[in-house]
């Protein structure tokens, strides 16, 4: 569950930079729909990569622990 206060805080902290980036892409000739779709896709990929990284870190930690227990 996402804490509502933290959600608002992170939005506020990201908004100016993300808006500037998106405006720059609009100035480069991309449509708002293209830009929004790209942002959503990048965000989705980032979330998936974080989950994969977390799993990899757990797997490495378990492998190290198992190796230490071997005689």
C-alpha atoms as a PDB file:
ATOM      1  CA  UNK A   1       0.000   0.000   0.000  1.00  0.00           C
ATOM      2  CA  UNK A   2       1.248   3.464  -0.892  1.00  0.00           C
ATOM      3  CA  UNK A   3       1.202   6.086   1.847  1.00  0.00           C
ATOM      4  CA  UNK A   4      -0.900   9.010   0.561  1.00  0.00           C
ATOM      5  CA  UNK A   5       1.361  11.641   2.123  1.00  0.00           C
ATOM      6  CA  UNK A   6       4.503  10.168   0.574  1.00  0.00           C
ATOM      7  CA  UNK A   7       2.709   9.782  -2.759  1.00  0.00           C
ATOM      8  CA  UNK A   8       1.839  13.482  -2.845  1.00  0.00           C
ATOM      9  CA  UNK A   9       5.342  14.446  -1.705  1.00  0.00           C
ATOM     10  CA  UNK A  10       7.077  12.428  -4.406  1.00  0.00           C
ATOM     11  CA  UNK A  11       4.708  13.810  -7.057  1.00  0.00           C
ATOM     12  CA  UNK A  12       5.440  17.350  -5.954  1.00  0.00           C
ATOM     13  CA  UNK A  13       9.184  16.741  -5.969  1.00  0.00           C
ATOM     14  CA  UNK A  14       9.162  15.113  -9.416  1.00  0.00           C
ATOM     15  CA  UNK A  15       6.651  17.348 -11.168  1.00  0.00           C
ATOM     16  CA  UNK A  16       8.840  20.295 -12.152  1.00  0.00           C
ATOM     17  CA  UNK A  17      11.680  18.167 -13.542  1.00  0.00           C
ATOM     18  CA  UNK A  18       9.384  15.735 -15.333  1.00  0.00           C
ATOM     19  CA  UNK A  19       7.303  18.566 -16.793  1.00  0.00           C
ATOM     20  CA  UNK A  20      10.468  20.277 -18.048  1.00  0.00           C
ATOM     21  CA  UNK A  21      11.618  17.026 -19.651  1.00  0.00           C
ATOM     22  CA  UNK A  22       8.235  16.463 -21.289  1.00  0.00           C
ATOM     23  CA  UNK A  23       8.092  20.067 -22.521  1.00  0.00           C
ATOM     24  CA  UNK A  24      11.529  19.583 -24.044  1.00  0.00           C
ATOM     25  CA  UNK A  25      10.278  16.508 -25.875  1.00  0.00           C
ATOM     26  CA  UNK A  26       7.253  18.479 -27.097  1.00  0.00           C
ATOM     27  CA  UNK A  27       9.593  21.195 -28.361  1.00  0.00           C
ATOM     28  CA  UNK A  28      11.506  18.430 -30.173  1.00  0.00           C
ATOM     29  CA  UNK A  29       8.331  17.621 -32.107  1.00  0.00           C
ATOM     30  CA  UNK A  30       6.729  14.775 -30.174  1.00  0.00           C
ATOM     31  CA  UNK A  31       3.016  14.843 -29.420  1.00  0.00           C
ATOM     32  CA  UNK A  32       1.690  14.903 -25.865  1.00  0.00           C
ATOM     33  CA  UNK A  33       0.258  11.415 -26.435  1.00  0.00           C
ATOM     34  CA  UNK A  34       3.646  10.061 -27.565  1.00  0.00           C
ATOM     35  CA  UNK A  35       5.372  11.661 -24.615  1.00  0.00           C
ATOM     36  CA  UNK A  36       2.835  10.396 -22.073  1.00  0.00           C
ATOM     37  CA  UNK A  37       2.982   6.874 -23.511  1.00  0.00           C
ATOM     38  CA  UNK A  38       6.785   6.915 -23.335  1.00  0.00           C
ATOM     39  CA  UNK A  39       6.745   8.152 -19.716  1.00  0.00           C
ATOM     40  CA  UNK A  40       4.288   5.443 -18.682  1.00  0.00           C
ATOM     41  CA  UNK A  41       6.313   2.760 -20.472  1.00  0.00           C
ATOM     42  CA  UNK A  42       9.566   3.935 -18.913  1.00  0.00           C
ATOM     43  CA  UNK A  43       7.945   3.996 -15.456  1.00  0.00           C
ATOM     44  CA  UNK A  44       6.570   0.489 -15.961  1.00  0.00           C
ATOM     45  CA  UNK A  45       9.962  -0.806 -17.115  1.00  0.00           C
ATOM     46  CA  UNK A  46      11.630   0.838 -14.117  1.00  0.00           C
ATOM     47  CA  UNK A  47       9.239  -0.872 -11.683  1.00  0.00           C
ATOM     48  CA  UNK A  48       9.835  -4.242 -13.361  1.00  0.00           C
ATOM     49  CA  UNK A  49      13.606  -3.770 -13.286  1.00  0.00           C
ATOM     50  CA  UNK A  50      13.487  -2.899  -9.588  1.00  0.00           C
ATOM     51  CA  UNK A  51      11.594  -6.116  -8.865  1.00  0.00           C
ATOM     52  CA  UNK A  52      14.136  -8.120 -10.877  1.00  0.00           C
ATOM     53  CA  UNK A  53      17.035  -6.419  -9.095  1.00  0.00           C
ATOM     54  CA  UNK A  54      15.461  -7.157  -5.720  1.00  0.00           C
ATOM     55  CA  UNK A  55      15.034 -10.822  -6.658  1.00  0.00           C
ATOM     56  CA  UNK A  56      18.614 -11.053  -7.913  1.00  0.00           C
ATOM     57  CA  UNK A  57      19.922  -9.540  -4.685  1.00  0.00           C
ATOM     58  CA  UNK A  58      17.886 -12.066  -2.664  1.00  0.00           C
ATOM     59  CA  UNK A  59      19.191 -14.947  -4.811  1.00  0.00           C
ATOM     60  CA  UNK A  60      22.789 -13.802  -4.378  1.00  0.00           C
ATOM     61  CA  UNK A  61      22.343 -13.396  -0.631  1.00  0.00           C
ATOM     62  CA  UNK A  62      20.864 -16.903  -0.348  1.00  0.00           C
ATOM     63  CA  UNK A  63      23.647 -18.386  -2.483  1.00  0.00           C
ATOM     64  CA  UNK A  64      26.306 -16.749  -0.300  1.00  0.00           C
ATOM     65  CA  UNK A  65      24.610 -17.986   2.864  1.00  0.00           C
ATOM     66  CA  UNK A  66      24.363 -21.511   1.446  1.00  0.00           C
ATOM     67  CA  UNK A  67      28.032 -21.446   0.417  1.00  0.00           C
ATOM     68  CA  UNK A  68      29.073 -20.385   3.926  1.00  0.00           C
ATOM     69  CA  UNK A  69      27.178 -23.307   5.437  1.00  0.00           C
ATOM     70  CA  UNK A  70      28.965 -25.874   3.283  1.00  0.00           C
ATOM     71  CA  UNK A  71      31.753 -27.807   4.969  1.00  0.00           C
END
